Amino acid sequence: MSTVLVLAAHPDDELLGVGGTLARHVRSGDTVHAVVLAEGASSRYRSGLAEDLAKSAQRAAEVLRLSSLELWDLPDQRLDTLPLIDVVQRMEAVVDGLRPDLVYTHFPCDVNADHGVVARAAWTACRPYVLPRLHRFAVFETPSSTEWAWPTGSPFTPSLYIDVSDTLDTKLEAMACYETELRPPPHPRSLGALRERAAYWGSRVGRQAVEPFQILREVC
């Protein structure tokens, strides 16, 4: 049994790129923990949205049967205004407590700046002499952020494809808890587009549905 940790920037980010994989870990008997750093609402100025997102996150965690969910409530779209060391140290406390075997986080070159902050902090918090037993550190794509990144940066280059044919429906059920974050087709964050995206990546490797990852460090 492995301990799995996903470090995400905003409510729903813990699902968009990795939800089917987390559900697969749970089915395999692994303990799965999620930390969501930002409240995901203050940049949009709708009263009560942060509370709605927190409730949605809790419902989604119940659907996925996560072992724990932490919502830090840091300022949305302003993570780059915080001292990085403060974010790293808070993340280190989580890592030290859980001692995860696998860590998933954002692709660092997304168009969304918060994703880059979370990825950089996670990479620092999981450095080898802090987590010498970490088996895998992998980054996921976030639909509507990764593919819209500034084109001169490093592209998302998957090296790991996880078959989520049996857990895609669970991911979509969890994503449906985020009613405020879903968009109508053909938006990448529509349920139909998420299903089609999994089918596209699956077609790359001969599977029905896949979530892709780029491995930044793996120790066997």
N, C-alpha and C. Protein backbone atom coordinates (compact mmCIF):
# COMPACT_ATOMS: atom_id res chain seq x y z
N MET A 1 0.85 -1.20 0.00
CA MET A 1 0.00 0.00 0.00
C MET A 1 0.88 1.24 0.00
N SER A 2 0.56 2.20 -0.83
CA SER A 2 1.34 3.43 -0.96
C SER A 2 0.57 4.61 -0.41
N THR A 3 1.32 5.64 -0.04
CA THR A 3 0.74 6.92 0.36
C THR A 3 0.91 7.89 -0.80
N VAL A 4 -0.21 8.46 -1.23
CA VAL A 4 -0.22 9.33 -2.41
C VAL A 4 -0.64 10.73 -1.97
N LEU A 5 0.06 11.73 -2.50
CA LEU A 5 -0.25 13.12 -2.19
C LEU A 5 -0.38 13.91 -3.48
N VAL A 6 -1.50 14.64 -3.62
CA VAL A 6 -1.65 15.57 -4.73
C VAL A 6 -1.66 16.98 -4.16
N LEU A 7 -0.84 17.83 -4.76
CA LEU A 7 -0.70 19.23 -4.36
C LEU A 7 -1.26 20.09 -5.49
N ALA A 8 -2.38 20.75 -5.23
CA ALA A 8 -3.11 21.47 -6.27
C ALA A 8 -3.28 22.93 -5.89
N ALA A 9 -3.41 23.77 -6.90
CA ALA A 9 -3.50 25.21 -6.65
C ALA A 9 -4.90 25.64 -6.23
N HIS A 10 -5.94 25.14 -6.93
CA HIS A 10 -7.30 25.63 -6.72
C HIS A 10 -8.29 24.47 -6.59
N PRO A 11 -9.42 24.70 -5.96
CA PRO A 11 -10.47 23.67 -5.95
C PRO A 11 -10.87 23.30 -7.37
N ASP A 12 -10.84 22.08 -7.67
CA ASP A 12 -11.08 21.33 -8.91
C ASP A 12 -9.79 20.94 -9.61
N ASP A 13 -8.67 21.60 -9.29
CA ASP A 13 -7.38 21.21 -9.87
C ASP A 13 -6.95 19.82 -9.42
N GLU A 14 -7.42 19.39 -8.26
CA GLU A 14 -7.08 18.06 -7.77
C GLU A 14 -7.79 16.96 -8.57
N LEU A 15 -8.72 17.39 -9.45
CA LEU A 15 -9.47 16.44 -10.27
C LEU A 15 -9.13 16.51 -11.75
N LEU A 16 -8.97 17.72 -12.27
CA LEU A 16 -8.93 17.92 -13.72
C LEU A 16 -7.89 17.06 -14.42
N GLY A 17 -6.69 17.00 -13.86
CA GLY A 17 -5.63 16.25 -14.52
C GLY A 17 -5.31 14.91 -13.91
N VAL A 18 -5.82 14.65 -12.70
CA VAL A 18 -5.35 13.48 -11.96
C VAL A 18 -6.48 12.72 -11.26
N GLY A 19 -7.73 13.16 -11.42
CA GLY A 19 -8.83 12.56 -10.67
C GLY A 19 -9.02 11.08 -10.90
N GLY A 20 -8.93 10.65 -12.15
CA GLY A 20 -9.08 9.23 -12.44
C GLY A 20 -7.96 8.41 -11.86
N THR A 21 -6.76 8.97 -11.84
CA THR A 21 -5.61 8.28 -11.27
C THR A 21 -5.75 8.16 -9.75
N LEU A 22 -6.23 9.23 -9.11
CA LEU A 22 -6.44 9.16 -7.66
C LEU A 22 -7.48 8.10 -7.32
N ALA A 23 -8.57 8.05 -8.10
CA ALA A 23 -9.59 7.03 -7.87
C ALA A 23 -9.01 5.63 -8.05
N ARG A 24 -8.12 5.48 -9.00
CA ARG A 24 -7.48 4.18 -9.21
C ARG A 24 -6.60 3.81 -8.02
N HIS A 25 -5.87 4.78 -7.48
CA HIS A 25 -5.06 4.52 -6.29
C HIS A 25 -5.94 4.06 -5.12
N VAL A 26 -7.07 4.74 -4.94
CA VAL A 26 -7.97 4.38 -3.85
C VAL A 26 -8.47 2.95 -4.03
N ARG A 27 -8.85 2.60 -5.26
CA ARG A 27 -9.33 1.24 -5.53
C ARG A 27 -8.25 0.20 -5.24
N SER A 28 -7.00 0.59 -5.40
CA SER A 28 -5.89 -0.34 -5.17
C SER A 28 -5.52 -0.46 -3.70
N GLY A 29 -6.19 0.33 -2.84
CA GLY A 29 -5.92 0.28 -1.42
C GLY A 29 -4.93 1.29 -0.91
N ASP A 30 -4.49 2.20 -1.78
CA ASP A 30 -3.56 3.25 -1.36
C ASP A 30 -4.31 4.31 -0.56
N THR A 31 -3.60 5.01 0.29
CA THR A 31 -4.16 6.17 0.98
C THR A 31 -3.83 7.41 0.16
N VAL A 32 -4.85 8.21 -0.12
CA VAL A 32 -4.69 9.35 -1.02
C VAL A 32 -5.08 10.62 -0.29
N HIS A 33 -4.18 11.61 -0.31
CA HIS A 33 -4.37 12.87 0.38
C HIS A 33 -4.28 14.02 -0.63
N ALA A 34 -5.08 15.03 -0.44
CA ALA A 34 -5.07 16.20 -1.32
C ALA A 34 -4.90 17.47 -0.50
N VAL A 35 -4.06 18.37 -1.01
CA VAL A 35 -3.90 19.70 -0.44
C VAL A 35 -4.19 20.70 -1.54
N VAL A 36 -5.13 21.62 -1.29
CA VAL A 36 -5.49 22.66 -2.24
C VAL A 36 -5.09 24.00 -1.62
N LEU A 37 -4.19 24.71 -2.25
CA LEU A 37 -3.58 25.87 -1.61
C LEU A 37 -4.45 27.12 -1.62
N ALA A 38 -4.99 27.50 -2.79
CA ALA A 38 -5.71 28.76 -2.91
C ALA A 38 -7.21 28.54 -2.85
N GLU A 39 -7.93 29.60 -2.44
CA GLU A 39 -9.38 29.47 -2.28
C GLU A 39 -10.13 29.51 -3.61
N GLY A 40 -9.47 29.96 -4.68
CA GLY A 40 -10.05 29.87 -6.01
C GLY A 40 -11.18 30.83 -6.31
N ALA A 41 -11.38 31.84 -5.46
CA ALA A 41 -12.58 32.67 -5.63
C ALA A 41 -12.32 34.16 -5.62
N SER A 42 -11.38 34.65 -4.83
CA SER A 42 -11.27 36.08 -4.58
C SER A 42 -10.95 36.88 -5.83
N SER A 43 -10.35 36.28 -6.84
CA SER A 43 -10.07 37.01 -8.07
C SER A 43 -11.31 37.20 -8.92
N ARG A 44 -12.41 36.54 -8.53
CA ARG A 44 -13.64 36.63 -9.32
C ARG A 44 -14.73 37.45 -8.63
N TYR A 45 -14.52 37.78 -7.38
CA TYR A 45 -15.35 38.78 -6.68
C TYR A 45 -16.82 38.42 -6.52
N ARG A 46 -17.18 37.16 -6.52
CA ARG A 46 -18.56 36.82 -6.23
C ARG A 46 -18.68 36.44 -4.77
N SER A 47 -19.54 37.09 -4.07
CA SER A 47 -19.72 36.83 -2.65
C SER A 47 -20.18 35.39 -2.43
N GLY A 48 -19.53 34.71 -1.51
CA GLY A 48 -19.91 33.35 -1.16
C GLY A 48 -19.30 32.27 -2.02
N LEU A 49 -18.55 32.65 -3.07
CA LEU A 49 -17.99 31.64 -3.97
C LEU A 49 -16.96 30.77 -3.26
N ALA A 50 -16.13 31.37 -2.41
CA ALA A 50 -15.11 30.58 -1.71
C ALA A 50 -15.75 29.49 -0.86
N GLU A 51 -16.84 29.84 -0.18
CA GLU A 51 -17.54 28.85 0.64
C GLU A 51 -18.15 27.76 -0.24
N ASP A 52 -18.71 28.14 -1.38
CA ASP A 52 -19.29 27.16 -2.29
C ASP A 52 -18.22 26.20 -2.80
N LEU A 53 -17.05 26.74 -3.14
CA LEU A 53 -15.97 25.89 -3.65
C LEU A 53 -15.47 24.93 -2.57
N ALA A 54 -15.38 25.41 -1.34
CA ALA A 54 -14.93 24.54 -0.25
C ALA A 54 -15.90 23.37 -0.06
N LYS A 55 -17.21 23.66 -0.13
CA LYS A 55 -18.20 22.60 0.00
C LYS A 55 -18.11 21.63 -1.19
N SER A 56 -17.89 22.17 -2.38
CA SER A 56 -17.75 21.32 -3.55
C SER A 56 -16.54 20.41 -3.42
N ALA A 57 -15.44 20.96 -2.91
CA ALA A 57 -14.22 20.17 -2.71
C ALA A 57 -14.46 19.02 -1.75
N GLN A 58 -15.19 19.29 -0.68
CA GLN A 58 -15.48 18.24 0.29
C GLN A 58 -16.35 17.15 -0.33
N ARG A 59 -17.35 17.54 -1.10
CA ARG A 59 -18.21 16.54 -1.75
C ARG A 59 -17.42 15.71 -2.75
N ALA A 60 -16.56 16.37 -3.52
CA ALA A 60 -15.75 15.65 -4.49
C ALA A 60 -14.79 14.67 -3.80
N ALA A 61 -14.22 15.09 -2.66
CA ALA A 61 -13.33 14.21 -1.91
C ALA A 61 -14.07 12.97 -1.41
N GLU A 62 -15.33 13.15 -1.05
CA GLU A 62 -16.13 12.00 -0.61
C GLU A 62 -16.40 11.05 -1.77
N VAL A 63 -16.64 11.60 -2.95
CA VAL A 63 -16.85 10.74 -4.12
C VAL A 63 -15.59 9.93 -4.42
N LEU A 64 -14.44 10.59 -4.35
CA LEU A 64 -13.18 9.90 -4.63
C LEU A 64 -12.72 9.02 -3.47
N ARG A 65 -13.32 9.23 -2.30
CA ARG A 65 -12.95 8.52 -1.06
C ARG A 65 -11.49 8.82 -0.67
N LEU A 66 -11.16 10.11 -0.71
CA LEU A 66 -9.83 10.53 -0.28
C LEU A 66 -9.67 10.32 1.22
N SER A 67 -8.45 10.04 1.64
CA SER A 67 -8.18 9.86 3.07
C SER A 67 -8.17 11.19 3.80
N SER A 68 -7.77 12.27 3.12
CA SER A 68 -7.81 13.59 3.73
C SER A 68 -7.82 14.66 2.66
N LEU A 69 -8.35 15.81 3.03
CA LEU A 69 -8.36 16.98 2.16
C LEU A 69 -8.06 18.20 3.00
N GLU A 70 -7.04 18.97 2.60
CA GLU A 70 -6.71 20.23 3.27
C GLU A 70 -6.99 21.38 2.30
N LEU A 71 -7.71 22.39 2.77
CA LEU A 71 -7.98 23.60 2.00
C LEU A 71 -7.30 24.76 2.72
N TRP A 72 -6.26 25.32 2.12
CA TRP A 72 -5.45 26.31 2.82
C TRP A 72 -6.01 27.72 2.76
N ASP A 73 -6.82 28.02 1.78
CA ASP A 73 -7.46 29.34 1.70
C ASP A 73 -6.48 30.47 1.42
N LEU A 74 -5.40 30.19 0.69
CA LEU A 74 -4.47 31.25 0.28
C LEU A 74 -5.11 32.07 -0.85
N PRO A 75 -4.61 33.29 -1.11
CA PRO A 75 -5.27 34.19 -2.05
C PRO A 75 -5.21 33.70 -3.50
N ASP A 76 -6.36 33.64 -4.12
CA ASP A 76 -6.49 33.16 -5.50
C ASP A 76 -5.78 34.08 -6.48
N GLN A 77 -5.00 33.47 -7.40
CA GLN A 77 -4.26 34.18 -8.43
C GLN A 77 -3.26 35.19 -7.86
N ARG A 78 -2.88 34.98 -6.61
CA ARG A 78 -1.89 35.86 -5.98
C ARG A 78 -0.83 35.06 -5.21
N LEU A 79 -0.70 33.79 -5.52
CA LEU A 79 0.30 33.00 -4.81
C LEU A 79 1.71 33.53 -5.06
N ASP A 80 1.90 34.17 -6.22
CA ASP A 80 3.23 34.71 -6.51
C ASP A 80 3.54 35.97 -5.71
N THR A 81 2.57 36.48 -4.95
CA THR A 81 2.84 37.62 -4.07
C THR A 81 3.30 37.17 -2.69
N LEU A 82 3.22 35.88 -2.41
CA LEU A 82 3.64 35.34 -1.12
C LEU A 82 5.11 34.94 -1.18
N PRO A 83 5.85 35.10 -0.08
CA PRO A 83 7.22 34.59 -0.08
C PRO A 83 7.21 33.08 -0.34
N LEU A 84 7.97 32.65 -1.33
CA LEU A 84 7.96 31.24 -1.69
C LEU A 84 8.39 30.37 -0.52
N ILE A 85 9.30 30.85 0.29
CA ILE A 85 9.77 30.07 1.43
C ILE A 85 8.62 29.75 2.39
N ASP A 86 7.67 30.68 2.52
CA ASP A 86 6.53 30.43 3.41
C ASP A 86 5.66 29.30 2.88
N VAL A 87 5.46 29.29 1.57
CA VAL A 87 4.67 28.22 0.96
C VAL A 87 5.41 26.90 1.07
N VAL A 88 6.70 26.91 0.80
CA VAL A 88 7.51 25.69 0.87
C VAL A 88 7.49 25.12 2.28
N GLN A 89 7.70 25.96 3.27
CA GLN A 89 7.77 25.47 4.64
C GLN A 89 6.44 24.87 5.10
N ARG A 90 5.35 25.49 4.70
CA ARG A 90 4.05 24.93 5.06
C ARG A 90 3.84 23.59 4.35
N MET A 91 4.30 23.50 3.10
CA MET A 91 4.19 22.26 2.35
C MET A 91 5.10 21.19 2.95
N GLU A 92 6.27 21.60 3.40
CA GLU A 92 7.19 20.65 4.03
C GLU A 92 6.57 19.99 5.26
N ALA A 93 5.79 20.76 6.00
CA ALA A 93 5.13 20.19 7.19
C ALA A 93 4.16 19.09 6.80
N VAL A 94 3.45 19.28 5.70
CA VAL A 94 2.53 18.24 5.21
C VAL A 94 3.32 17.02 4.76
N VAL A 95 4.36 17.25 3.99
CA VAL A 95 5.19 16.17 3.47
C VAL A 95 5.83 15.39 4.61
N ASP A 96 6.30 16.11 5.61
CA ASP A 96 6.95 15.45 6.74
C ASP A 96 5.96 14.59 7.51
N GLY A 97 4.71 15.04 7.59
CA GLY A 97 3.71 14.28 8.31
C GLY A 97 3.23 13.05 7.57
N LEU A 98 3.10 13.16 6.24
CA LEU A 98 2.56 12.05 5.44
C LEU A 98 3.63 11.10 4.93
N ARG A 99 4.82 11.61 4.64
CA ARG A 99 5.90 10.81 4.04
C ARG A 99 5.39 10.07 2.80
N PRO A 100 4.90 10.80 1.80
CA PRO A 100 4.27 10.14 0.65
C PRO A 100 5.27 9.34 -0.19
N ASP A 101 4.74 8.31 -0.82
CA ASP A 101 5.53 7.52 -1.77
C ASP A 101 5.43 8.10 -3.18
N LEU A 102 4.29 8.73 -3.48
CA LEU A 102 4.06 9.33 -4.78
C LEU A 102 3.48 10.72 -4.60
N VAL A 103 3.98 11.67 -5.37
CA VAL A 103 3.48 13.05 -5.34
C VAL A 103 3.10 13.46 -6.74
N TYR A 104 1.90 14.02 -6.87
CA TYR A 104 1.43 14.59 -8.13
C TYR A 104 1.18 16.08 -7.92
N THR A 105 1.60 16.88 -8.89
CA THR A 105 1.31 18.30 -8.84
C THR A 105 1.25 18.86 -10.26
N HIS A 106 1.10 20.17 -10.35
CA HIS A 106 0.90 20.82 -11.64
C HIS A 106 2.14 20.80 -12.52
N PHE A 107 1.92 20.80 -13.82
CA PHE A 107 2.97 21.11 -14.78
C PHE A 107 3.39 22.56 -14.53
N PRO A 108 4.68 22.83 -14.33
CA PRO A 108 5.09 24.16 -13.85
C PRO A 108 4.99 25.29 -14.87
N CYS A 109 4.80 24.97 -16.15
CA CYS A 109 4.80 26.02 -17.18
C CYS A 109 3.40 26.35 -17.69
N ASP A 110 2.37 26.08 -16.87
CA ASP A 110 1.00 26.41 -17.26
C ASP A 110 0.81 27.91 -17.43
N VAL A 111 -0.26 28.30 -18.13
CA VAL A 111 -0.60 29.71 -18.27
C VAL A 111 -1.01 30.31 -16.92
N ASN A 112 -1.51 29.49 -16.02
CA ASN A 112 -1.93 29.96 -14.71
C ASN A 112 -0.72 30.06 -13.78
N ALA A 113 -0.42 31.27 -13.33
CA ALA A 113 0.77 31.50 -12.51
C ALA A 113 0.73 30.75 -11.19
N ASP A 114 -0.46 30.61 -10.60
CA ASP A 114 -0.57 29.87 -9.34
C ASP A 114 -0.08 28.43 -9.49
N HIS A 115 -0.34 27.82 -10.65
CA HIS A 115 0.11 26.45 -10.86
C HIS A 115 1.63 26.35 -10.80
N GLY A 116 2.29 27.35 -11.37
CA GLY A 116 3.75 27.35 -11.35
C GLY A 116 4.32 27.49 -9.95
N VAL A 117 3.67 28.31 -9.12
CA VAL A 117 4.13 28.49 -7.74
C VAL A 117 3.98 27.18 -6.97
N VAL A 118 2.85 26.53 -7.13
CA VAL A 118 2.62 25.26 -6.43
C VAL A 118 3.62 24.21 -6.88
N ALA A 119 3.87 24.12 -8.17
CA ALA A 119 4.82 23.13 -8.68
C ALA A 119 6.22 23.39 -8.15
N ARG A 120 6.64 24.65 -8.15
CA ARG A 120 7.99 24.97 -7.68
C ARG A 120 8.12 24.68 -6.18
N ALA A 121 7.10 25.05 -5.41
CA ALA A 121 7.14 24.79 -3.97
C ALA A 121 7.15 23.29 -3.69
N ALA A 122 6.36 22.54 -4.44
CA ALA A 122 6.31 21.09 -4.25
C ALA A 122 7.65 20.45 -4.58
N TRP A 123 8.27 20.89 -5.65
CA TRP A 123 9.58 20.34 -6.04
C TRP A 123 10.61 20.58 -4.95
N THR A 124 10.55 21.75 -4.35
CA THR A 124 11.49 22.08 -3.27
C THR A 124 11.17 21.28 -2.01
N ALA A 125 9.91 21.20 -1.67
CA ALA A 125 9.51 20.50 -0.45
C ALA A 125 9.78 19.01 -0.53
N CYS A 126 9.86 18.48 -1.75
CA CYS A 126 10.07 17.04 -1.94
C CYS A 126 11.48 16.71 -2.40
N ARG A 127 12.43 17.59 -2.14
CA ARG A 127 13.80 17.33 -2.58
C ARG A 127 14.33 16.05 -1.92
N PRO A 128 15.30 15.39 -2.56
CA PRO A 128 15.70 14.04 -2.15
C PRO A 128 16.11 13.89 -0.70
N TYR A 129 16.80 14.86 -0.12
CA TYR A 129 17.26 14.69 1.25
C TYR A 129 16.16 14.97 2.27
N VAL A 130 15.03 15.48 1.79
CA VAL A 130 13.86 15.62 2.65
C VAL A 130 13.00 14.36 2.56
N LEU A 131 12.83 13.87 1.33
CA LEU A 131 12.02 12.66 1.09
C LEU A 131 12.84 11.61 0.34
N PRO A 132 13.79 10.98 1.00
CA PRO A 132 14.65 10.03 0.29
C PRO A 132 13.92 8.81 -0.22
N ARG A 133 12.74 8.49 0.36
CA ARG A 133 12.01 7.30 -0.07
C ARG A 133 10.92 7.61 -1.09
N LEU A 134 10.85 8.83 -1.55
CA LEU A 134 9.84 9.18 -2.55
C LEU A 134 10.09 8.36 -3.82
N HIS A 135 9.06 7.64 -4.21
CA HIS A 135 9.18 6.77 -5.38
C HIS A 135 9.01 7.55 -6.68
N ARG A 136 8.02 8.46 -6.71
CA ARG A 136 7.75 9.15 -7.97
C ARG A 136 7.24 10.56 -7.70
N PHE A 137 7.78 11.50 -8.46
CA PHE A 137 7.29 12.88 -8.49
C PHE A 137 6.88 13.15 -9.93
N ALA A 138 5.58 13.36 -10.15
CA ALA A 138 5.07 13.52 -11.51
C ALA A 138 4.16 14.73 -11.58
N VAL A 139 4.14 15.38 -12.74
CA VAL A 139 3.29 16.55 -12.94
C VAL A 139 2.22 16.23 -13.96
N PHE A 140 1.03 16.84 -13.76
CA PHE A 140 -0.10 16.56 -14.63
C PHE A 140 -0.49 17.81 -15.41
N GLU A 141 -1.21 17.59 -16.49
CA GLU A 141 -1.77 18.70 -17.25
C GLU A 141 -3.06 19.16 -16.57
N THR A 142 -3.37 20.43 -16.73
CA THR A 142 -4.63 20.99 -16.25
C THR A 142 -5.37 21.56 -17.45
N PRO A 143 -6.44 20.89 -17.91
CA PRO A 143 -7.17 21.39 -19.07
C PRO A 143 -7.60 22.84 -18.91
N SER A 144 -7.39 23.62 -19.93
CA SER A 144 -7.63 25.06 -20.04
C SER A 144 -6.49 25.87 -19.45
N SER A 145 -5.43 25.22 -19.01
CA SER A 145 -4.25 25.94 -18.52
C SER A 145 -2.98 25.45 -19.20
N THR A 146 -2.78 24.15 -19.23
CA THR A 146 -1.54 23.61 -19.80
C THR A 146 -1.47 23.86 -21.30
N GLU A 147 -2.58 23.61 -22.01
CA GLU A 147 -2.54 23.76 -23.46
C GLU A 147 -2.58 25.21 -23.89
N TRP A 148 -2.89 26.13 -22.96
CA TRP A 148 -2.94 27.55 -23.30
C TRP A 148 -1.69 28.30 -22.82
N ALA A 149 -0.66 27.56 -22.44
CA ALA A 149 0.56 28.19 -21.91
C ALA A 149 1.27 28.99 -23.00
N TRP A 150 2.08 29.94 -22.54
CA TRP A 150 2.89 30.76 -23.45
C TRP A 150 3.73 29.84 -24.33
N PRO A 151 3.64 29.95 -25.65
CA PRO A 151 4.20 28.92 -26.54
C PRO A 151 5.72 28.85 -26.57
N THR A 152 6.42 29.83 -26.01
CA THR A 152 7.88 29.75 -26.02
C THR A 152 8.44 28.97 -24.83
N GLY A 153 7.57 28.55 -23.91
CA GLY A 153 8.03 27.79 -22.75
C GLY A 153 8.20 26.31 -23.07
N SER A 154 8.53 25.54 -22.06
CA SER A 154 8.69 24.10 -22.23
C SER A 154 7.32 23.46 -22.38
N PRO A 155 7.14 22.61 -23.39
CA PRO A 155 5.83 21.97 -23.56
C PRO A 155 5.65 20.81 -22.58
N PHE A 156 4.39 20.50 -22.30
CA PHE A 156 4.07 19.33 -21.51
C PHE A 156 4.39 18.09 -22.34
N THR A 157 5.28 17.24 -21.83
CA THR A 157 5.74 16.07 -22.56
C THR A 157 5.51 14.82 -21.73
N PRO A 158 4.38 14.15 -21.91
CA PRO A 158 4.08 13.00 -21.06
C PRO A 158 5.08 11.86 -21.25
N SER A 159 5.40 11.23 -20.14
CA SER A 159 6.25 10.04 -20.17
C SER A 159 5.61 8.90 -19.40
N LEU A 160 4.44 9.16 -18.81
CA LEU A 160 3.69 8.15 -18.07
C LEU A 160 2.22 8.29 -18.44
N TYR A 161 1.60 7.19 -18.79
CA TYR A 161 0.19 7.17 -19.18
C TYR A 161 -0.53 6.18 -18.27
N ILE A 162 -1.45 6.69 -17.45
CA ILE A 162 -2.16 5.83 -16.50
C ILE A 162 -3.56 5.54 -17.02
N ASP A 163 -3.86 4.27 -17.15
CA ASP A 163 -5.15 3.82 -17.67
C ASP A 163 -6.24 4.10 -16.63
N VAL A 164 -7.19 4.96 -16.99
CA VAL A 164 -8.29 5.29 -16.08
C VAL A 164 -9.63 4.87 -16.68
N SER A 165 -9.60 3.85 -17.53
CA SER A 165 -10.83 3.38 -18.16
C SER A 165 -11.88 2.99 -17.13
N ASP A 166 -11.45 2.41 -16.01
CA ASP A 166 -12.38 1.93 -14.99
C ASP A 166 -12.73 2.99 -13.95
N THR A 167 -12.04 4.12 -13.96
CA THR A 167 -12.28 5.13 -12.93
C THR A 167 -12.65 6.50 -13.51
N LEU A 168 -12.75 6.60 -14.82
CA LEU A 168 -13.08 7.89 -15.42
C LEU A 168 -14.46 8.37 -14.97
N ASP A 169 -15.41 7.47 -14.87
CA ASP A 169 -16.75 7.87 -14.44
C ASP A 169 -16.73 8.43 -13.01
N THR A 170 -15.89 7.86 -12.17
CA THR A 170 -15.76 8.37 -10.80
C THR A 170 -15.18 9.78 -10.82
N LYS A 171 -14.17 10.01 -11.65
CA LYS A 171 -13.60 11.35 -11.79
C LYS A 171 -14.67 12.34 -12.23
N LEU A 172 -15.46 11.98 -13.22
CA LEU A 172 -16.47 12.90 -13.74
C LEU A 172 -17.59 13.12 -12.72
N GLU A 173 -17.92 12.10 -11.95
CA GLU A 173 -18.90 12.27 -10.88
C GLU A 173 -18.38 13.26 -9.84
N ALA A 174 -17.10 13.15 -9.50
CA ALA A 174 -16.51 14.08 -8.55
C ALA A 174 -16.45 15.49 -9.13
N MET A 175 -16.09 15.59 -10.40
CA MET A 175 -16.01 16.89 -11.04
C MET A 175 -17.38 17.56 -11.10
N ALA A 176 -18.44 16.77 -11.22
CA ALA A 176 -19.79 17.33 -11.27
C ALA A 176 -20.18 18.01 -9.97
N CYS A 177 -19.44 17.74 -8.89
CA CYS A 177 -19.68 18.44 -7.63
C CYS A 177 -19.32 19.92 -7.73
N TYR A 178 -18.45 20.26 -8.67
CA TYR A 178 -18.01 21.64 -8.86
C TYR A 178 -18.91 22.33 -9.89
N GLU A 179 -20.13 22.58 -9.51
CA GLU A 179 -21.08 23.16 -10.46
C GLU A 179 -20.64 24.53 -10.95
N THR A 180 -19.98 25.31 -10.11
CA THR A 180 -19.56 26.66 -10.51
C THR A 180 -18.37 26.63 -11.45
N GLU A 181 -17.65 25.52 -11.52
CA GLU A 181 -16.43 25.46 -12.32
C GLU A 181 -16.64 24.77 -13.66
N LEU A 182 -17.72 24.03 -13.80
CA LEU A 182 -18.00 23.38 -15.08
C LEU A 182 -18.40 24.40 -16.13
N ARG A 183 -18.08 24.11 -17.37
CA ARG A 183 -18.41 24.99 -18.48
C ARG A 183 -19.13 24.18 -19.55
N PRO A 184 -19.92 24.82 -20.38
CA PRO A 184 -20.59 24.09 -21.46
C PRO A 184 -19.58 23.69 -22.54
N PRO A 185 -19.87 22.62 -23.29
CA PRO A 185 -19.01 22.24 -24.41
C PRO A 185 -18.93 23.36 -25.43
N PRO A 186 -17.81 23.51 -26.11
CA PRO A 186 -16.65 22.62 -26.11
C PRO A 186 -15.54 23.02 -25.14
N HIS A 187 -15.85 23.76 -24.10
CA HIS A 187 -14.82 24.19 -23.16
C HIS A 187 -14.09 22.98 -22.59
N PRO A 188 -12.76 23.09 -22.40
CA PRO A 188 -11.99 21.96 -21.87
C PRO A 188 -12.46 21.48 -20.50
N ARG A 189 -13.16 22.35 -19.74
CA ARG A 189 -13.63 21.93 -18.42
C ARG A 189 -15.11 21.54 -18.43
N SER A 190 -15.60 21.15 -19.57
CA SER A 190 -16.92 20.51 -19.63
C SER A 190 -16.73 19.02 -19.41
N LEU A 191 -17.74 18.36 -18.89
CA LEU A 191 -17.62 16.92 -18.63
C LEU A 191 -17.38 16.15 -19.93
N GLY A 192 -18.05 16.57 -21.00
CA GLY A 192 -17.85 15.89 -22.27
C GLY A 192 -16.43 16.03 -22.78
N ALA A 193 -15.87 17.24 -22.66
CA ALA A 193 -14.50 17.46 -23.12
C ALA A 193 -13.49 16.67 -22.29
N LEU A 194 -13.75 16.56 -20.98
CA LEU A 194 -12.85 15.78 -20.13
C LEU A 194 -12.87 14.31 -20.53
N ARG A 195 -14.05 13.79 -20.87
CA ARG A 195 -14.13 12.40 -21.33
C ARG A 195 -13.40 12.25 -22.67
N GLU A 196 -13.60 13.20 -23.56
CA GLU A 196 -12.93 13.14 -24.86
C GLU A 196 -11.42 13.27 -24.72
N ARG A 197 -10.98 14.07 -23.77
CA ARG A 197 -9.54 14.26 -23.55
C ARG A 197 -8.91 12.94 -23.10
N ALA A 198 -9.59 12.26 -22.17
CA ALA A 198 -9.08 10.96 -21.71
C ALA A 198 -9.03 9.96 -22.87
N ALA A 199 -10.02 10.02 -23.76
CA ALA A 199 -10.03 9.12 -24.92
C ALA A 199 -8.89 9.47 -25.88
N TYR A 200 -8.63 10.78 -26.05
CA TYR A 200 -7.52 11.19 -26.93
C TYR A 200 -6.19 10.65 -26.42
N TRP A 201 -5.92 10.86 -25.13
CA TRP A 201 -4.66 10.37 -24.59
C TRP A 201 -4.62 8.84 -24.63
N GLY A 202 -5.77 8.22 -24.42
CA GLY A 202 -5.82 6.77 -24.53
C GLY A 202 -5.48 6.28 -25.92
N SER A 203 -5.92 7.02 -26.93
CA SER A 203 -5.63 6.61 -28.30
C SER A 203 -4.13 6.66 -28.61
N ARG A 204 -3.39 7.44 -27.83
CA ARG A 204 -1.94 7.53 -28.04
C ARG A 204 -1.23 6.24 -27.63
N VAL A 205 -1.86 5.49 -26.71
CA VAL A 205 -1.17 4.31 -26.17
C VAL A 205 -2.04 3.06 -26.20
N GLY A 206 -3.14 3.10 -26.96
CA GLY A 206 -3.95 1.92 -27.12
C GLY A 206 -4.83 1.57 -25.95
N ARG A 207 -5.36 2.59 -25.26
CA ARG A 207 -6.27 2.38 -24.15
C ARG A 207 -7.54 3.20 -24.38
N GLN A 208 -8.60 2.85 -23.65
CA GLN A 208 -9.86 3.57 -23.80
C GLN A 208 -9.81 4.96 -23.19
N ALA A 209 -9.14 5.09 -22.05
CA ALA A 209 -9.09 6.38 -21.35
C ALA A 209 -7.81 6.45 -20.53
N VAL A 210 -7.14 7.57 -20.62
CA VAL A 210 -5.82 7.72 -19.99
C VAL A 210 -5.67 9.12 -19.42
N GLU A 211 -4.92 9.24 -18.31
CA GLU A 211 -4.41 10.52 -17.83
C GLU A 211 -2.90 10.52 -18.01
N PRO A 212 -2.36 11.58 -18.64
CA PRO A 212 -0.92 11.64 -18.92
C PRO A 212 -0.17 12.41 -17.84
N PHE A 213 1.08 12.02 -17.63
CA PHE A 213 1.94 12.68 -16.65
C PHE A 213 3.36 12.80 -17.21
N GLN A 214 4.04 13.81 -16.73
CA GLN A 214 5.46 13.95 -17.01
C GLN A 214 6.20 13.64 -15.71
N ILE A 215 7.06 12.64 -15.74
CA ILE A 215 7.80 12.26 -14.54
C ILE A 215 9.02 13.16 -14.42
N LEU A 216 9.13 13.83 -13.28
CA LEU A 216 10.29 14.67 -13.02
C LEU A 216 11.35 13.93 -12.20
N ARG A 217 10.90 12.96 -11.41
CA ARG A 217 11.87 12.13 -10.68
C ARG A 217 11.21 10.79 -10.34
N GLU A 218 11.94 9.72 -10.55
CA GLU A 218 11.45 8.39 -10.20
C GLU A 218 12.62 7.56 -9.69
N VAL A 219 12.41 6.92 -8.57
CA VAL A 219 13.44 6.08 -7.96
C VAL A 219 12.85 4.69 -7.75
N CYS A 220 13.46 3.70 -8.34
CA CYS A 220 12.95 2.33 -8.25
C CYS A 220 13.75 1.52 -7.22
